[in-house]
Amino acid sequence: MKKLFFINLFFLCFSANAQVDSFYLLKPSRVFDGETMHNNWVVLVKGNKIEEAGEMNFKLPANTRIIEINATLLPGLIEGHSHLFLHPYNEVSWNDQVLKESRAERTARAVTHAEATLMAGFTTMRDLGTEGAMYDDAGLKTAIEKNVFPGPRLIVATRAIVAKGTYGPNYKNADVDLPQGAAEVSGMEDMANEVYTQIRKGADVVKLYADYGWGDDGETMPTFSIEQIALAVSIAHSSGRIVAAHSTTKEGMRRAIMGGVNTIEHGNNGDDEIFKLMKEKGIALCPTLAAYEAIQQYRGWKKGIDPDPPSIVAKRKSFQSALKNGVTICMGGDVGVFPHGENVREMELMVEYGMKPLDVLRSATSVNADVFGYGSKIGRIKKGLFADIIMAEGDPSTNISSLRKIVFVMKNGKIYKEL
């Protein structure tokens, strides 16, 4: 562990010193540019940008450092659904993380989670709610940008928005008012004020909960009207921000779609009718397969031994319906429910559930970048984009698990990992 720390520290110091007017020529076995796999490609990096990408038909600048690795080069992966301030629920329950862990502890954990994510090859992550840690994700984003500690580029949602009385923690004791894991609103005015507040506090994306388990028996039911969702969307879109909607019910999804959100998170009970509507409206799905499998495993399910629980059967069915109906699929696993740095689990399950490996690579790079509004900056190996570049052993377009063996990580032109 100490040796690894000092190796990482060396490369951090080296890359920090080499940032100004530095040139790197990267010569891998193959290059996935965010859309297509290429042979005989090289990538030239100048400072923090990609200077050239393609076959070697350009002159090398003086003092270019050449890095040749028998590996696949890709754009830095983009985690589409994460919670930096959470850690696996089989370690500490969600309620106890929100209520019993101090914000200092949760921030310290988040720092280690961010570094683990970067070293796993995810150079950007969309963090969809601090779950009780207020606006601390905006502070983490700033600290990473200032090079206080290594981590991915962050796209943050701050607190997320829920209908009053629907979220948690909730111990069914009317005498106790507990701190909540998200910002509560009731009515149109509250909704507008909260969206404006979260943007002012640093939110890059607005997240709201279109349904939650607030029925009489804990059944998941819709929380907001179409009009309330549309108001949040209107304000967010006016600022150039997109809206992500947590939704697991068909009616919650329908309301979110008609309200104009940009992404549906989870989508557990979507069917052909709903996914056709999503396709028509150009709304993407972030399926979070890995989180739901992890939760069932925490409850005792032994995958491959026990029969699939009904929730997993439904999840697989909804994902395959989305694929069949041509819905844009984002890559996002709801990491935090399972360990940070294990983000590739989601990509492996996307393949297992029926998606082609090359399409999964697109989802984790160019598709996520475009859907989240960052396609002109990241997500592709293309001249002028930020030099967020990774390399993996083997060929992930034929074996997605190759992404578990990341041998090179560059973010913003700085090398953070080189084996």
Protein backbone atom coordinates (compact mmCIF):
# COMPACT_ATOMS: atom_id res chain seq x y z
CA MET A 1 0.00 0.00 0.00
CA LYS A 2 2.80 2.47 0.89
CA LYS A 3 4.62 1.61 -2.33
CA LEU A 4 1.46 2.25 -4.38
CA PHE A 5 0.93 5.56 -2.57
CA PHE A 6 4.43 6.79 -3.39
CA ILE A 7 4.13 5.63 -7.00
CA ASN A 8 0.88 7.58 -7.36
CA LEU A 9 2.42 10.56 -5.59
CA PHE A 10 5.35 10.50 -8.01
CA PHE A 11 3.13 10.58 -11.05
CA LEU A 12 0.96 13.30 -9.53
CA CYS A 13 4.03 15.46 -8.97
CA PHE A 14 5.50 14.61 -12.36
CA SER A 15 2.29 15.38 -14.24
CA ALA A 16 1.71 18.60 -12.29
CA ASN A 17 5.16 19.82 -13.24
CA ALA A 18 4.80 18.66 -16.85
CA GLN A 19 1.41 20.23 -17.47
CA VAL A 20 2.56 23.46 -19.15
CA ASP A 21 3.47 22.93 -22.85
CA SER A 22 3.80 19.17 -22.30
CA PHE A 23 3.44 16.79 -25.24
CA TYR A 24 2.60 13.10 -24.99
CA LEU A 25 2.31 10.70 -27.89
CA LEU A 26 0.22 7.73 -26.84
CA LYS A 27 0.75 4.58 -28.92
CA PRO A 28 -1.69 1.82 -27.86
CA SER A 29 -2.67 -1.42 -29.57
CA ARG A 30 -6.04 0.03 -30.58
CA VAL A 31 -8.12 3.16 -29.97
CA PHE A 32 -11.81 3.40 -29.15
CA ASP A 33 -12.69 6.99 -29.99
CA GLY A 34 -16.04 7.01 -28.19
CA GLU A 35 -17.91 5.61 -31.15
CA THR A 36 -15.67 3.29 -33.20
CA MET A 37 -12.67 1.03 -32.58
CA HIS A 38 -9.55 1.83 -34.65
CA ASN A 39 -6.29 0.07 -35.33
CA ASN A 40 -3.03 1.92 -36.10
CA TRP A 41 -4.14 5.08 -34.32
CA VAL A 42 -2.04 7.28 -32.08
CA VAL A 43 -3.07 10.19 -29.89
CA LEU A 44 -1.04 13.35 -29.35
CA VAL A 45 -1.76 15.36 -26.20
CA LYS A 46 -0.68 18.96 -25.72
CA GLY A 47 -1.21 20.43 -22.26
CA ASN A 48 -4.73 19.46 -21.24
CA LYS A 49 -6.17 18.94 -24.73
CA ILE A 50 -6.06 16.31 -27.46
CA GLU A 51 -3.93 17.81 -30.23
CA GLU A 52 -4.18 15.01 -32.82
CA ALA A 53 -5.85 11.61 -33.09
CA GLY A 54 -5.61 9.15 -35.94
CA GLU A 55 -2.93 7.51 -38.05
CA MET A 56 0.59 8.86 -37.64
CA ASN A 57 0.72 11.48 -40.42
CA PHE A 58 1.82 14.50 -38.44
CA LYS A 59 5.17 15.76 -37.19
CA LEU A 60 6.01 15.30 -33.55
CA PRO A 61 6.86 18.43 -31.55
CA ALA A 62 10.25 18.51 -29.88
CA ASN A 63 10.51 16.91 -26.44
CA THR A 64 7.42 14.78 -26.96
CA ARG A 65 7.24 11.94 -24.45
CA ILE A 66 6.21 8.71 -26.19
CA ILE A 67 4.15 6.23 -24.20
CA GLU A 68 3.66 2.88 -25.92
CA ILE A 69 1.45 0.31 -24.18
CA ASN A 70 -0.03 -2.96 -25.39
CA ALA A 71 -3.54 -1.93 -24.40
CA THR A 72 -6.77 -0.35 -25.65
CA LEU A 73 -6.98 3.43 -25.41
CA LEU A 74 -10.39 4.97 -24.65
CA PRO A 75 -11.85 8.29 -23.59
CA GLY A 76 -12.04 8.52 -19.82
CA LEU A 77 -15.18 6.67 -18.70
CA ILE A 78 -18.15 8.67 -17.40
CA GLU A 79 -20.07 7.37 -14.40
CA GLY A 80 -23.67 8.49 -14.93
CA HIS A 81 -25.25 7.84 -11.51
CA SER A 82 -23.26 7.95 -8.31
CA HIS A 83 -23.41 9.03 -4.68
CA LEU A 84 -19.96 9.99 -3.44
CA PHE A 85 -21.24 10.49 0.10
CA LEU A 86 -22.62 6.96 0.42
CA HIS A 87 -20.85 3.66 0.94
CA PRO A 88 -22.23 0.11 0.63
CA TYR A 89 -25.38 -0.57 2.63
CA ASN A 90 -24.05 -3.89 3.90
CA GLU A 91 -21.43 -1.85 5.80
CA VAL A 92 -23.78 0.77 7.26
CA SER A 93 -27.46 1.22 6.44
CA TRP A 94 -28.62 4.26 4.48
CA ASN A 95 -30.50 5.57 7.52
CA ASP A 96 -27.45 5.32 9.76
CA GLN A 97 -25.18 6.95 7.19
CA VAL A 98 -27.54 9.93 6.96
CA LEU A 99 -28.26 10.19 10.69
CA LYS A 100 -25.18 8.92 12.51
CA GLU A 101 -22.13 9.67 10.36
CA SER A 102 -20.85 13.23 10.72
CA ARG A 103 -20.47 15.34 7.62
CA ALA A 104 -16.73 15.42 8.32
CA GLU A 105 -16.61 11.63 8.20
CA ARG A 106 -18.80 11.52 5.11
CA THR A 107 -16.60 14.05 3.34
CA ALA A 108 -13.47 12.10 4.25
CA ARG A 109 -15.07 8.99 2.80
CA ALA A 110 -16.10 10.91 -0.33
CA VAL A 111 -12.50 11.98 -0.92
CA THR A 112 -11.34 8.36 -0.90
CA HIS A 113 -14.29 7.37 -3.09
CA ALA A 114 -13.35 10.02 -5.64
CA GLU A 115 -9.77 8.81 -5.88
CA ALA A 116 -10.85 5.16 -6.21
CA THR A 117 -13.20 6.16 -9.02
CA LEU A 118 -10.49 8.00 -10.92
CA MET A 119 -8.02 5.15 -10.58
CA ALA A 120 -10.66 2.78 -11.95
CA GLY A 121 -10.68 4.80 -15.18
CA PHE A 122 -13.73 7.00 -14.58
CA THR A 123 -12.53 10.53 -15.21
CA THR A 124 -16.00 12.08 -14.92
CA MET A 125 -18.90 11.24 -12.64
CA ARG A 126 -22.42 12.61 -12.23
CA ASP A 127 -23.18 12.72 -8.52
CA LEU A 128 -26.95 12.65 -8.07
CA GLY A 129 -27.50 13.76 -4.50
CA THR A 130 -25.50 14.07 -1.30
CA GLU A 131 -28.14 12.21 0.77
CA GLY A 132 -28.06 14.53 3.76
CA ALA A 133 -24.63 16.07 3.20
CA MET A 134 -26.17 19.33 1.97
CA TYR A 135 -24.11 21.02 -0.79
CA ASP A 136 -20.81 19.35 0.04
CA ASP A 137 -20.51 17.77 -3.42
CA ALA A 138 -20.15 21.27 -4.87
CA GLY A 139 -17.26 21.83 -2.45
CA LEU A 140 -15.66 18.54 -3.46
CA LYS A 141 -15.93 19.51 -7.10
CA THR A 142 -14.11 22.78 -6.41
CA ALA A 143 -11.41 21.04 -4.37
CA ILE A 144 -10.75 18.56 -7.20
CA GLU A 145 -10.56 21.41 -9.72
CA LYS A 146 -8.00 23.11 -7.45
CA ASN A 147 -5.95 19.85 -7.31
CA VAL A 148 -6.43 19.54 -3.55
CA PHE A 149 -6.88 15.79 -4.10
CA PRO A 150 -7.29 13.56 -7.16
CA GLY A 151 -10.74 12.75 -8.42
CA PRO A 152 -12.96 12.75 -11.49
CA ARG A 153 -14.59 15.78 -13.06
CA LEU A 154 -17.80 16.14 -11.08
CA ILE A 155 -21.28 16.95 -12.36
CA VAL A 156 -23.18 17.55 -9.13
CA ALA A 157 -26.85 17.69 -8.15
CA THR A 158 -26.34 18.87 -4.54
CA ARG A 159 -29.37 17.89 -2.41
CA ALA A 160 -31.93 16.53 -4.92
CA ILE A 161 -35.62 17.44 -4.55
CA VAL A 162 -38.41 15.38 -2.95
CA ALA A 163 -42.05 15.99 -2.11
CA LYS A 164 -42.52 16.84 1.55
CA GLY A 165 -43.25 13.81 3.67
CA THR A 166 -42.21 11.22 1.10
CA TYR A 167 -38.50 10.66 1.71
CA GLY A 168 -36.36 9.46 4.60
CA PRO A 169 -35.12 8.77 7.11
CA ASN A 170 -38.59 8.08 8.53
CA TYR A 171 -39.14 5.99 11.63
CA LYS A 172 -42.94 6.46 11.66
CA ASN A 173 -42.80 8.52 14.86
CA ALA A 174 -44.84 11.71 14.53
CA ASP A 175 -43.03 13.25 17.53
CA VAL A 176 -39.64 13.23 15.82
CA ASP A 177 -38.50 15.46 12.98
CA LEU A 178 -35.45 13.82 11.44
CA PRO A 179 -32.87 15.34 9.10
CA GLN A 180 -33.79 14.38 5.54
CA GLY A 181 -31.67 12.95 2.75
CA ALA A 182 -32.93 15.50 0.21
CA ALA A 183 -34.61 18.92 -0.02
CA GLU A 184 -38.36 18.80 0.69
CA VAL A 185 -40.85 20.90 -1.25
CA SER A 186 -44.64 21.25 -1.27
CA GLY A 187 -46.35 23.13 -4.04
CA MET A 188 -45.25 25.13 -7.07
CA GLU A 189 -43.64 28.03 -5.23
CA ASP A 190 -41.52 25.70 -3.09
CA MET A 191 -40.43 23.80 -6.18
CA ALA A 192 -39.34 26.93 -8.01
CA ASN A 193 -37.49 28.30 -4.98
CA GLU A 194 -35.65 25.03 -4.39
CA VAL A 195 -34.49 24.71 -7.99
CA TYR A 196 -33.17 28.27 -7.90
CA THR A 197 -31.49 27.61 -4.53
CA GLN A 198 -29.74 24.45 -5.67
CA ILE A 199 -28.46 26.15 -8.81
CA ARG A 200 -27.18 29.04 -6.71
CA LYS A 201 -25.44 26.59 -4.38
CA GLY A 202 -23.59 24.91 -7.24
CA ALA A 203 -25.84 22.28 -8.84
CA ASP A 204 -24.84 21.35 -12.40
CA VAL A 205 -27.89 19.12 -12.81
CA VAL A 206 -31.27 19.18 -11.08
CA LYS A 207 -32.48 15.86 -9.68
CA LEU A 208 -35.99 15.21 -8.46
CA TYR A 209 -37.85 12.17 -7.21
CA ALA A 210 -40.88 11.51 -9.42
CA ASP A 211 -42.01 8.67 -7.13
CA TYR A 212 -41.09 7.11 -3.82
CA GLY A 213 -42.33 4.63 -1.19
CA TRP A 214 -44.90 6.84 0.55
CA GLY A 215 -48.08 4.84 0.02
CA ASP A 216 -50.10 3.62 3.02
CA ASP A 217 -48.24 0.33 3.05
CA GLY A 218 -44.95 1.76 1.84
CA GLU A 219 -45.88 1.18 -1.79
CA THR A 220 -44.00 3.32 -4.29
CA MET A 221 -46.29 6.03 -5.66
CA PRO A 222 -45.88 9.19 -7.78
CA THR A 223 -44.90 12.28 -5.79
CA PHE A 224 -45.13 15.26 -8.17
CA SER A 225 -47.66 16.34 -10.75
CA ILE A 226 -46.68 16.86 -14.37
CA GLU A 227 -47.04 20.61 -13.80
CA GLN A 228 -44.62 20.61 -10.84
CA ILE A 229 -42.06 18.61 -12.79
CA ALA A 230 -42.47 20.87 -15.83
CA LEU A 231 -41.84 23.94 -13.66
CA ALA A 232 -38.55 22.49 -12.36
CA VAL A 233 -37.57 21.54 -15.91
CA SER A 234 -38.38 25.00 -17.26
CA ILE A 235 -36.19 26.73 -14.68
CA ALA A 236 -33.32 24.26 -15.06
CA HIS A 237 -33.39 24.39 -18.85
CA SER A 238 -33.41 28.19 -18.77
CA SER A 239 -30.05 27.98 -17.01
CA GLY A 240 -28.66 25.40 -19.46
CA ARG A 241 -28.97 22.55 -16.97
CA ILE A 242 -30.67 19.20 -17.47
CA VAL A 243 -33.06 17.38 -15.13
CA ALA A 244 -32.72 13.81 -13.89
CA ALA A 245 -35.78 12.07 -12.46
CA HIS A 246 -35.64 9.15 -10.07
CA SER A 247 -38.54 6.93 -11.05
CA THR A 248 -39.35 3.25 -10.66
CA THR A 249 -43.11 3.19 -11.39
CA LYS A 250 -44.83 3.40 -14.75
CA GLU A 251 -46.95 6.40 -13.69
CA GLY A 252 -43.99 8.20 -12.13
CA MET A 253 -42.04 7.70 -15.35
CA ARG A 254 -44.98 8.92 -17.45
CA ARG A 255 -45.27 12.12 -15.42
CA ALA A 256 -41.53 12.74 -15.59
CA ILE A 257 -41.54 12.18 -19.36
CA MET A 258 -44.49 14.51 -19.93
CA GLY A 259 -42.85 17.06 -17.64
CA GLY A 260 -39.85 17.16 -19.98
CA VAL A 261 -37.01 15.65 -17.92
CA ASN A 262 -33.81 14.62 -19.68
CA THR A 263 -33.05 11.31 -17.98
CA ILE A 264 -35.02 8.70 -16.09
CA GLU A 265 -33.01 7.04 -13.33
CA HIS A 266 -33.76 3.36 -12.60
CA GLY A 267 -36.97 2.82 -14.65
CA ASN A 268 -37.64 -0.54 -12.99
CA ASN A 269 -41.24 -1.00 -14.12
CA GLY A 270 -41.08 0.62 -17.52
CA ASP A 271 -42.77 -1.30 -20.33
CA ASP A 272 -43.00 -1.06 -24.11
CA GLU A 273 -45.57 1.74 -23.90
CA ILE A 274 -43.41 3.87 -21.61
CA PHE A 275 -40.18 3.23 -23.47
CA LYS A 276 -41.76 4.06 -26.82
CA LEU A 277 -42.80 7.38 -25.26
CA MET A 278 -39.26 7.94 -23.97
CA LYS A 279 -37.86 7.23 -27.42
CA GLU A 280 -40.36 9.65 -29.00
CA LYS A 281 -39.45 12.41 -26.53
CA GLY A 282 -35.69 11.79 -26.70
CA ILE A 283 -35.37 10.95 -23.01
CA ALA A 284 -32.52 8.68 -21.89
CA LEU A 285 -32.58 5.86 -19.35
CA CYS A 286 -29.92 5.36 -16.68
CA PRO A 287 -30.83 1.82 -15.54
CA THR A 288 -28.63 1.32 -12.41
CA LEU A 289 -28.60 -2.47 -12.73
CA ALA A 290 -25.69 -3.00 -10.37
CA ALA A 291 -27.31 -1.27 -7.40
CA TYR A 292 -30.39 -3.47 -7.54
CA GLU A 293 -28.35 -6.65 -7.80
CA ALA A 294 -26.19 -5.48 -4.87
CA ILE A 295 -29.23 -4.79 -2.68
CA GLN A 296 -30.64 -8.25 -3.33
CA GLN A 297 -27.25 -9.81 -2.53
CA TYR A 298 -27.14 -7.89 0.76
CA ARG A 299 -30.50 -9.51 1.53
CA GLY A 300 -29.04 -12.97 1.00
CA TRP A 301 -29.53 -13.69 -2.70
CA LYS A 302 -26.73 -15.85 -4.10
CA LYS A 303 -26.51 -15.01 -7.78
CA GLY A 304 -26.07 -18.04 -10.00
CA ILE A 305 -27.21 -20.35 -7.21
CA ASP A 306 -30.58 -19.02 -6.07
CA PRO A 307 -33.43 -18.19 -8.46
CA ASP A 308 -33.53 -14.54 -9.49
CA PRO A 309 -35.72 -12.48 -7.14
CA PRO A 310 -38.85 -10.93 -8.74
CA SER A 311 -37.27 -7.46 -8.65
CA ILE A 312 -34.29 -8.67 -10.70
CA VAL A 313 -36.57 -10.44 -13.18
CA ALA A 314 -38.53 -7.18 -13.59
CA LYS A 315 -35.33 -5.16 -13.90
CA ARG A 316 -33.98 -7.37 -16.66
CA LYS A 317 -37.32 -7.26 -18.48
CA SER A 318 -37.55 -3.46 -18.34
CA PHE A 319 -33.94 -3.02 -19.53
CA GLN A 320 -34.53 -5.33 -22.48
CA SER A 321 -37.74 -3.45 -23.33
CA ALA A 322 -35.81 -0.17 -23.35
CA LEU A 323 -33.22 -1.70 -25.68
CA LYS A 324 -35.86 -3.12 -27.99
CA ASN A 325 -37.58 0.26 -28.26
CA GLY A 326 -34.40 2.15 -29.09
CA VAL A 327 -34.18 4.23 -25.92
CA THR A 328 -30.83 5.97 -25.39
CA ILE A 329 -29.08 4.10 -22.56
CA CYS A 330 -26.73 5.93 -20.22
CA MET A 331 -24.15 4.09 -18.15
CA GLY A 332 -24.72 4.64 -14.45
CA GLY A 333 -24.73 2.07 -11.68
CA ASP A 334 -25.88 4.03 -8.58
CA VAL A 335 -22.42 3.41 -7.18
CA GLY A 336 -22.27 4.12 -3.47
CA VAL A 337 -24.88 1.42 -2.97
CA PHE A 338 -21.96 -0.83 -3.95
CA PRO A 339 -18.24 0.07 -3.60
CA HIS A 340 -16.75 3.06 -5.40
CA GLY A 341 -14.09 1.91 -7.82
CA GLU A 342 -16.24 -1.09 -8.75
CA ASN A 343 -18.14 1.00 -11.32
CA VAL A 344 -17.44 -1.52 -14.10
CA ARG A 345 -20.02 -3.82 -12.50
CA GLU A 346 -22.74 -1.84 -14.24
CA MET A 347 -21.10 -2.23 -17.63
CA GLU A 348 -20.71 -5.97 -17.12
CA LEU A 349 -24.39 -6.29 -16.25
CA MET A 350 -25.43 -4.20 -19.25
CA VAL A 351 -23.71 -6.81 -21.40
CA GLU A 352 -25.16 -9.68 -19.38
CA TYR A 353 -28.67 -8.22 -19.78
CA GLY A 354 -28.35 -8.04 -23.55
CA MET A 355 -26.36 -4.98 -24.68
CA LYS A 356 -23.40 -5.33 -27.03
CA PRO A 357 -20.01 -4.48 -25.45
CA LEU A 358 -19.29 -1.79 -28.05
CA ASP A 359 -22.64 -0.13 -27.30
CA VAL A 360 -21.85 -0.24 -23.59
CA LEU A 361 -18.53 1.51 -24.28
CA ARG A 362 -20.43 4.18 -26.21
CA SER A 363 -22.86 4.59 -23.30
CA ALA A 364 -20.00 5.16 -20.87
CA THR A 365 -18.28 7.71 -23.10
CA SER A 366 -19.86 9.64 -25.98
CA VAL A 367 -23.49 8.89 -25.09
CA ASN A 368 -23.16 10.03 -21.48
CA ALA A 369 -21.21 13.09 -22.57
CA ASP A 370 -23.88 14.09 -25.09
CA VAL A 371 -26.87 13.38 -22.84
CA PHE A 372 -25.36 15.28 -19.92
CA GLY A 373 -24.47 18.26 -22.11
CA TYR A 374 -20.68 17.85 -22.13
CA GLY A 375 -20.14 16.39 -25.60
CA SER A 376 -18.07 19.36 -26.75
CA LYS A 377 -15.58 18.80 -23.90
CA ILE A 378 -15.27 15.10 -23.05
CA GLY A 379 -16.40 11.62 -24.08
CA ARG A 380 -14.45 11.20 -27.32
CA ILE A 381 -10.89 10.94 -28.56
CA LYS A 382 -11.08 13.99 -30.78
CA LYS A 383 -8.92 17.02 -31.46
CA GLY A 384 -9.73 19.92 -29.15
CA LEU A 385 -11.42 17.91 -26.41
CA PHE A 386 -9.98 17.59 -22.92
CA ALA A 387 -7.29 14.95 -22.59
CA ASP A 388 -9.27 12.55 -20.41
CA ILE A 389 -7.78 9.27 -21.59
CA ILE A 390 -7.46 5.77 -20.17
CA MET A 391 -5.95 2.48 -21.32
CA ALA A 392 -7.10 -1.02 -20.44
CA GLU A 393 -5.52 -4.41 -20.96
CA GLY A 394 -7.14 -6.47 -23.67
CA ASP A 395 -10.05 -5.40 -25.86
CA PRO A 396 -13.17 -4.28 -23.96
CA SER A 397 -15.19 -4.25 -27.18
CA THR A 398 -15.07 -8.05 -27.05
CA ASN A 399 -14.66 -8.54 -23.27
CA ILE A 400 -16.08 -5.69 -21.22
CA SER A 401 -14.38 -7.03 -18.08
CA SER A 402 -11.05 -5.90 -19.59
CA LEU A 403 -11.96 -2.54 -18.04
CA ARG A 404 -11.16 -4.05 -14.65
CA LYS A 405 -7.49 -3.87 -15.69
CA ILE A 406 -6.83 -0.16 -16.15
CA VAL A 407 -3.14 0.47 -16.79
CA PHE A 408 -3.17 4.18 -17.60
CA VAL A 409 -5.25 7.14 -16.44
CA MET A 410 -4.89 10.69 -17.70
CA LYS A 411 -7.30 13.45 -16.75
CA ASN A 412 -7.01 16.96 -18.12
CA GLY A 413 -3.59 16.09 -19.53
CA LYS A 414 -2.20 14.89 -16.18
CA ILE A 415 -1.12 11.31 -15.67
CA TYR A 416 -2.53 9.77 -12.52
CA LYS A 417 -1.79 6.12 -13.23
CA GLU A 418 0.85 4.50 -15.43
CA LEU A 419 1.95 0.89 -15.01
